[in-house]
Amino acid sequence: MQGMLNMYDKELVLDILHQILEATLKIQQRFRQIETAADFTGSPFGMERLDSICMLLIAIGESLKNIDKITDRPTLSGLYVVPLQQAAQHIVVFCLKK
């Protein structure tokens, strides 16, 4: 049947979703000590933390694209309307408001 995922594809999608969950948990953990944007920009350690969070956001975006390829359909089509840079800015603002 076309449109049905085989067991391998289902396992692959579940693995990717698990990786996305792990990445989001890491992002939350790395934001815990951040209170202002200066916490990122004021030191080399802060910049490294910001870089690592950005890399995780990129990995999440790539993972979502991979799910789309595996399933042959957009999984979160409404999410793609927002440019990636704007989405990342919203995530940073949201995490700083904690």
C-alpha atoms as a PDB file:
ATOM      1  CA  MET A   1       0.000   0.000   0.000  1.00  0.00           C
ATOM      2  CA  GLN A   2       1.356   3.392  -0.959  1.00  0.00           C
ATOM      3  CA  GLY A   3       1.426   5.967   1.828  1.00  0.00           C
ATOM      4  CA  MET A   4       1.978   3.359   4.534  1.00  0.00           C
ATOM      5  CA  LEU A   5       5.305   3.341   6.345  1.00  0.00           C
ATOM      6  CA  ASN A   6       7.127   0.056   6.662  1.00  0.00           C
ATOM      7  CA  MET A   7       8.427  -1.053  10.051  1.00  0.00           C
ATOM      8  CA  TYR A   8      11.946   0.205   9.291  1.00  0.00           C
ATOM      9  CA  ASP A   9      10.618   3.664   8.398  1.00  0.00           C
ATOM     10  CA  LYS A  10       8.475   3.783  11.540  1.00  0.00           C
ATOM     11  CA  GLU A  11      11.476   2.890  13.695  1.00  0.00           C
ATOM     12  CA  LEU A  12      13.573   5.494  11.902  1.00  0.00           C
ATOM     13  CA  VAL A  13      10.953   8.210  12.445  1.00  0.00           C
ATOM     14  CA  LEU A  14      10.659   7.248  16.118  1.00  0.00           C
ATOM     15  CA  ASP A  15      14.436   7.424  16.464  1.00  0.00           C
ATOM     16  CA  ILE A  16      14.504  10.866  14.863  1.00  0.00           C
ATOM     17  CA  LEU A  17      11.705  12.051  17.160  1.00  0.00           C
ATOM     18  CA  HIS A  18      13.695  10.775  20.138  1.00  0.00           C
ATOM     19  CA  GLN A  19      16.734  12.739  18.913  1.00  0.00           C
ATOM     20  CA  ILE A  20      14.554  15.864  18.613  1.00  0.00           C
ATOM     21  CA  LEU A  21      13.319  15.367  22.168  1.00  0.00           C
ATOM     22  CA  GLU A  22      16.876  14.949  23.448  1.00  0.00           C
ATOM     23  CA  ALA A  23      17.959  18.115  21.607  1.00  0.00           C
ATOM     24  CA  THR A  24      15.103  20.149  23.097  1.00  0.00           C
ATOM     25  CA  LEU A  25      15.983  18.917  26.583  1.00  0.00           C
ATOM     26  CA  LYS A  26      19.613  19.957  26.025  1.00  0.00           C
ATOM     27  CA  ILE A  27      18.466  23.392  24.850  1.00  0.00           C
ATOM     28  CA  GLN A  28      16.358  23.825  27.979  1.00  0.00           C
ATOM     29  CA  GLN A  29      19.254  22.737  30.195  1.00  0.00           C
ATOM     30  CA  ARG A  30      21.679  25.124  28.476  1.00  0.00           C
ATOM     31  CA  PHE A  31      19.254  28.033  28.927  1.00  0.00           C
ATOM     32  CA  ARG A  32      18.813  27.460  32.670  1.00  0.00           C
ATOM     33  CA  GLN A  33      21.628  29.801  33.704  1.00  0.00           C
ATOM     34  CA  ILE A  34      20.867  32.415  31.044  1.00  0.00           C
ATOM     35  CA  GLU A  35      19.046  35.498  32.311  1.00  0.00           C
ATOM     36  CA  THR A  36      19.842  38.115  29.663  1.00  0.00           C
ATOM     37  CA  ALA A  37      21.292  38.242  26.172  1.00  0.00           C
ATOM     38  CA  ALA A  38      24.518  39.545  27.754  1.00  0.00           C
ATOM     39  CA  ASP A  39      24.962  36.131  29.360  1.00  0.00           C
ATOM     40  CA  PHE A  40      25.570  34.878  25.822  1.00  0.00           C
ATOM     41  CA  THR A  41      27.561  37.772  24.435  1.00  0.00           C
ATOM     42  CA  GLY A  42      29.597  38.776  27.497  1.00  0.00           C
ATOM     43  CA  SER A  43      32.089  35.939  27.515  1.00  0.00           C
ATOM     44  CA  PRO A  44      33.627  33.262  25.314  1.00  0.00           C
ATOM     45  CA  PHE A  45      31.782  30.635  27.401  1.00  0.00           C
ATOM     46  CA  GLY A  46      28.467  32.408  26.740  1.00  0.00           C
ATOM     47  CA  MET A  47      29.178  32.556  23.021  1.00  0.00           C
ATOM     48  CA  GLU A  48      30.011  28.847  23.010  1.00  0.00           C
ATOM     49  CA  ARG A  49      26.737  28.134  24.788  1.00  0.00           C
ATOM     50  CA  LEU A  50      24.849  30.212  22.213  1.00  0.00           C
ATOM     51  CA  ASP A  51      26.643  28.410  19.377  1.00  0.00           C
ATOM     52  CA  SER A  52      25.765  25.025  20.834  1.00  0.00           C
ATOM     53  CA  ILE A  53      22.093  25.990  21.185  1.00  0.00           C
ATOM     54  CA  CYS A  54      22.008  27.261  17.595  1.00  0.00           C
ATOM     55  CA  MET A  55      23.564  24.024  16.362  1.00  0.00           C
ATOM     56  CA  LEU A  56      20.879  22.045  18.176  1.00  0.00           C
ATOM     57  CA  LEU A  57      18.166  24.204  16.586  1.00  0.00           C
ATOM     58  CA  ILE A  58      19.676  23.541  13.165  1.00  0.00           C
ATOM     59  CA  ALA A  59      19.782  19.805  13.926  1.00  0.00           C
ATOM     60  CA  ILE A  60      16.110  19.869  14.928  1.00  0.00           C
ATOM     61  CA  GLY A  61      15.208  21.586  11.642  1.00  0.00           C
ATOM     62  CA  GLU A  62      17.193  19.033   9.647  1.00  0.00           C
ATOM     63  CA  SER A  63      15.567  16.210  11.583  1.00  0.00           C
ATOM     64  CA  LEU A  64      12.107  17.530  10.722  1.00  0.00           C
ATOM     65  CA  LYS A  65      13.121  17.671   7.058  1.00  0.00           C
ATOM     66  CA  ASN A  66      14.315  14.066   7.289  1.00  0.00           C
ATOM     67  CA  ILE A  67      10.961  12.990   8.705  1.00  0.00           C
ATOM     68  CA  ASP A  68       9.269  14.730   5.776  1.00  0.00           C
ATOM     69  CA  LYS A  69      11.466  12.790   3.339  1.00  0.00           C
ATOM     70  CA  ILE A  70      10.840   9.460   5.046  1.00  0.00           C
ATOM     71  CA  THR A  71       7.071   9.947   5.266  1.00  0.00           C
ATOM     72  CA  ASP A  72       6.850  11.656   1.865  1.00  0.00           C
ATOM     73  CA  ARG A  73       4.734  14.449   3.311  1.00  0.00           C
ATOM     74  CA  PRO A  74       5.185  17.538   5.462  1.00  0.00           C
ATOM     75  CA  THR A  75       4.732  16.662   9.122  1.00  0.00           C
ATOM     76  CA  LEU A  76       4.436  20.181  10.483  1.00  0.00           C
ATOM     77  CA  SER A  77       3.537  22.167   7.384  1.00  0.00           C
ATOM     78  CA  GLY A  78       2.427  25.237   9.351  1.00  0.00           C
ATOM     79  CA  LEU A  79       5.838  25.472  11.000  1.00  0.00           C
ATOM     80  CA  TYR A  80       7.622  26.015   7.706  1.00  0.00           C
ATOM     81  CA  VAL A  81       5.837  29.313   7.158  1.00  0.00           C
ATOM     82  CA  VAL A  82       8.090  30.952   9.768  1.00  0.00           C
ATOM     83  CA  PRO A  83      11.639  31.679   8.533  1.00  0.00           C
ATOM     84  CA  LEU A  84      14.223  29.715  10.522  1.00  0.00           C
ATOM     85  CA  GLN A  85      16.008  32.820  11.817  1.00  0.00           C
ATOM     86  CA  GLN A  86      12.746  34.308  13.086  1.00  0.00           C
ATOM     87  CA  ALA A  87      11.798  30.987  14.710  1.00  0.00           C
ATOM     88  CA  ALA A  88      15.178  30.806  16.460  1.00  0.00           C
ATOM     89  CA  GLN A  89      14.749  34.365  17.754  1.00  0.00           C
ATOM     90  CA  HIS A  90      11.333  33.468  19.168  1.00  0.00           C
ATOM     91  CA  ILE A  91      12.783  30.427  20.923  1.00  0.00           C
ATOM     92  CA  VAL A  92      15.576  32.518  22.470  1.00  0.00           C
ATOM     93  CA  VAL A  93      13.086  35.165  23.661  1.00  0.00           C
ATOM     94  CA  PHE A  94      10.783  32.486  25.061  1.00  0.00           C
ATOM     95  CA  CYS A  95      13.604  30.786  26.967  1.00  0.00           C
ATOM     96  CA  LEU A  96      14.889  34.073  28.367  1.00  0.00           C
ATOM     97  CA  LYS A  97      11.410  34.871  29.756  1.00  0.00           C
ATOM     98  CA  LYS A  98      11.409  31.735  31.938  1.00  0.00           C
END
